[in-house]
Amino acid sequence: MKIADIFSYLLFWGLIGCCLFNVYVMLVFRTGIVYTARHKDGTLKKKASVSGIVNSLLLLDCILGIQVASNYFGLASRRTEISFAGLYLLNYALYIVLVIYDTLVIDYLVIVKWRPKFLMIPEAMNAQSMRQHIIASIPIAPAIGLVLTALSTLIAWVAFF
């Protein structure tokens, strides 16, 4: 793949992922599902309930699905030749795009700055609690991404390449 192809792939699938992420955020806030794994201040609960674990796994499954779908529709269906390592790196880059979007746009711009009424964000989920959440996410999200990306790459590799 050429560098331009990589950037256009990440832009296209990153935009799709970000749009789907927006829908997910609206659903979990409007229904209150977000609080099955988090306190009202946005920080993760020490002991997660079953519904909290299911919610967290649902988000990871959505990311995995976006990666596998992007591998099929963006690469395999176009008969793009790519190595397993290249596919892994491309999936990890897409994951990092989504993490950056989540951190900068959702966590900071939407939850801390904009605070739209339709999301029903509690007062306790303020700049200080979101700062803690963002700082905690910095080492955790990339580490989770290494494993999640390995799984999505393996699934796509076996199924499509």
Protein backbone atom coordinates (compact mmCIF):
# COMPACT_ATOMS: atom_id res chain seq x y z
CA MET A 1 0.00 0.00 0.00
CA LYS A 2 1.14 3.51 -0.77
CA ILE A 3 1.29 6.13 1.97
CA ALA A 4 -1.62 8.00 0.35
CA ASP A 5 -3.68 4.79 0.41
CA ILE A 6 -2.94 4.31 4.10
CA PHE A 7 -3.99 7.86 4.95
CA SER A 8 -7.17 7.70 2.88
CA TYR A 9 -8.04 4.32 4.44
CA LEU A 10 -7.51 5.69 7.95
CA LEU A 11 -9.46 8.85 7.14
CA PHE A 12 -12.41 7.01 5.62
CA TRP A 13 -12.67 4.24 8.22
CA GLY A 14 -11.77 6.64 11.02
CA LEU A 15 -14.71 8.85 10.03
CA ILE A 16 -17.04 5.85 9.92
CA GLY A 17 -15.75 4.70 13.31
CA CYS A 18 -16.15 8.18 14.80
CA CYS A 19 -19.72 8.45 13.52
CA LEU A 20 -20.58 5.05 14.98
CA PHE A 21 -18.85 6.05 18.21
CA ASN A 22 -21.10 9.15 18.39
CA VAL A 23 -24.18 6.94 18.08
CA TYR A 24 -22.84 4.61 20.78
CA VAL A 25 -22.14 7.53 23.15
CA MET A 26 -25.61 8.98 22.62
CA LEU A 27 -27.23 5.60 23.29
CA VAL A 28 -25.29 4.78 26.44
CA PHE A 29 -25.76 8.25 27.94
CA ARG A 30 -29.44 8.59 27.04
CA THR A 31 -30.27 5.12 28.38
CA GLY A 32 -27.98 5.39 31.42
CA ILE A 33 -26.06 2.29 30.39
CA VAL A 34 -22.83 4.28 30.71
CA TYR A 35 -23.27 4.18 34.50
CA THR A 36 -23.23 0.40 34.67
CA ALA A 37 -19.42 0.54 34.44
CA ARG A 38 -18.83 4.10 35.70
CA HIS A 39 -19.65 6.25 38.66
CA LYS A 40 -21.71 9.40 38.05
CA ASP A 41 -18.44 11.34 37.90
CA GLY A 42 -17.29 9.30 34.88
CA THR A 43 -14.59 7.32 36.63
CA LEU A 44 -14.61 3.55 36.33
CA LYS A 45 -16.09 1.59 39.20
CA LYS A 46 -13.63 -0.52 41.21
CA LYS A 47 -15.95 -3.51 41.05
CA ALA A 48 -17.92 -3.72 37.84
CA SER A 49 -21.37 -5.25 37.71
CA VAL A 50 -22.26 -7.85 35.10
CA SER A 51 -24.09 -5.19 33.09
CA GLY A 52 -21.04 -2.93 33.34
CA ILE A 53 -18.80 -5.68 32.02
CA VAL A 54 -21.26 -6.38 29.19
CA ASN A 55 -21.33 -2.67 28.31
CA SER A 56 -17.53 -2.50 28.22
CA LEU A 57 -17.35 -5.66 26.12
CA LEU A 58 -19.97 -4.23 23.77
CA LEU A 59 -17.78 -1.20 23.11
CA LEU A 60 -14.75 -3.42 22.47
CA ASP A 61 -16.85 -5.61 20.17
CA CYS A 62 -17.93 -2.53 18.23
CA ILE A 63 -14.30 -1.49 17.74
CA LEU A 64 -13.38 -5.03 16.74
CA GLY A 65 -16.30 -5.03 14.27
CA ILE A 66 -15.21 -1.73 12.74
CA GLN A 67 -11.69 -3.07 12.26
CA VAL A 68 -12.82 -6.36 10.71
CA ALA A 69 -15.35 -4.57 8.47
CA SER A 70 -12.71 -2.08 7.36
CA ASN A 71 -10.35 -4.96 6.59
CA TYR A 72 -12.95 -6.65 4.43
CA PHE A 73 -14.52 -3.69 2.65
CA GLY A 74 -11.42 -1.51 2.53
CA LEU A 75 -8.80 -4.14 1.73
CA ALA A 76 -9.85 -7.73 1.08
CA SER A 77 -12.73 -6.94 -1.28
CA ARG A 78 -10.31 -4.77 -3.28
CA ARG A 79 -7.74 -7.57 -3.30
CA THR A 80 -5.18 -5.42 -1.53
CA GLU A 81 -1.98 -7.28 -0.82
CA ILE A 82 -0.85 -6.79 2.74
CA SER A 83 1.20 -8.77 5.23
CA PHE A 84 -0.13 -9.85 8.61
CA ALA A 85 2.18 -7.33 10.30
CA GLY A 86 1.03 -4.58 7.93
CA LEU A 87 -2.60 -5.41 8.63
CA TYR A 88 -1.93 -5.37 12.37
CA LEU A 89 -0.25 -1.96 12.16
CA LEU A 90 -3.08 -0.58 10.03
CA ASN A 91 -5.67 -1.88 12.51
CA TYR A 92 -3.71 -0.47 15.43
CA ALA A 93 -3.48 2.92 13.69
CA LEU A 94 -7.26 2.87 13.19
CA TYR A 95 -7.70 1.99 16.85
CA ILE A 96 -5.47 4.92 17.87
CA VAL A 97 -7.53 7.27 15.64
CA LEU A 98 -10.66 6.15 17.55
CA VAL A 99 -8.93 6.54 20.94
CA ILE A 100 -7.78 10.06 20.05
CA TYR A 101 -11.30 10.93 18.89
CA ASP A 102 -12.78 9.52 22.09
CA THR A 103 -10.31 11.40 24.27
CA LEU A 104 -10.23 14.78 22.54
CA VAL A 105 -13.72 15.05 21.08
CA ILE A 106 -16.01 12.93 23.27
CA ASP A 107 -14.32 13.17 26.67
CA TYR A 108 -12.97 16.71 26.43
CA LEU A 109 -14.96 18.75 23.91
CA VAL A 110 -18.38 17.13 24.40
CA ILE A 111 -18.41 16.06 28.06
CA VAL A 112 -16.19 18.75 29.61
CA LYS A 113 -16.76 21.79 27.39
CA TRP A 114 -20.04 21.49 25.46
CA ARG A 115 -22.09 19.34 27.88
CA PRO A 116 -25.17 19.03 25.64
CA LYS A 117 -28.42 18.68 27.57
CA PHE A 118 -29.64 15.74 25.44
CA LEU A 119 -26.82 13.56 26.84
CA MET A 120 -28.01 14.19 30.41
CA ILE A 121 -24.44 14.41 31.71
CA PRO A 122 -24.47 14.55 35.52
CA GLU A 123 -22.85 17.49 37.30
CA ALA A 124 -20.41 15.09 38.97
CA MET A 125 -18.96 14.30 35.55
CA ASN A 126 -17.03 17.54 35.50
CA ALA A 127 -13.66 18.74 34.26
CA GLN A 128 -11.80 17.32 37.26
CA SER A 129 -13.29 13.82 37.05
CA MET A 130 -12.85 13.72 33.28
CA ARG A 131 -9.25 14.85 33.70
CA GLN A 132 -8.69 11.80 35.93
CA HIS A 133 -10.46 9.60 33.38
CA ILE A 134 -8.38 10.95 30.48
CA ILE A 135 -5.09 10.60 32.38
CA ALA A 136 -5.97 7.02 33.37
CA SER A 137 -6.87 6.22 29.76
CA ILE A 138 -3.51 7.31 28.36
CA PRO A 139 -1.57 4.15 29.32
CA ILE A 140 -4.55 1.76 29.42
CA ALA A 141 -6.18 2.42 26.02
CA PRO A 142 -3.06 1.75 23.90
CA ALA A 143 -2.35 -1.44 25.86
CA ILE A 144 -5.91 -2.70 25.37
CA GLY A 145 -5.55 -1.79 21.71
CA LEU A 146 -2.55 -4.09 21.29
CA VAL A 147 -4.65 -7.09 22.32
CA LEU A 148 -7.88 -6.01 20.61
CA THR A 149 -6.02 -5.27 17.39
CA ALA A 150 -4.28 -8.65 17.51
CA LEU A 151 -7.69 -10.31 17.76
CA SER A 152 -9.29 -8.31 14.93
CA THR A 153 -6.24 -8.83 12.73
CA LEU A 154 -6.27 -12.56 13.35
CA ILE A 155 -10.00 -12.77 12.58
CA ALA A 156 -9.63 -10.75 9.38
CA TRP A 157 -6.48 -12.60 8.30
CA VAL A 158 -8.07 -16.02 8.68
CA ALA A 159 -11.40 -14.98 7.15
CA PHE A 160 -10.32 -12.76 4.26
CA PHE A 161 -6.62 -12.98 3.38
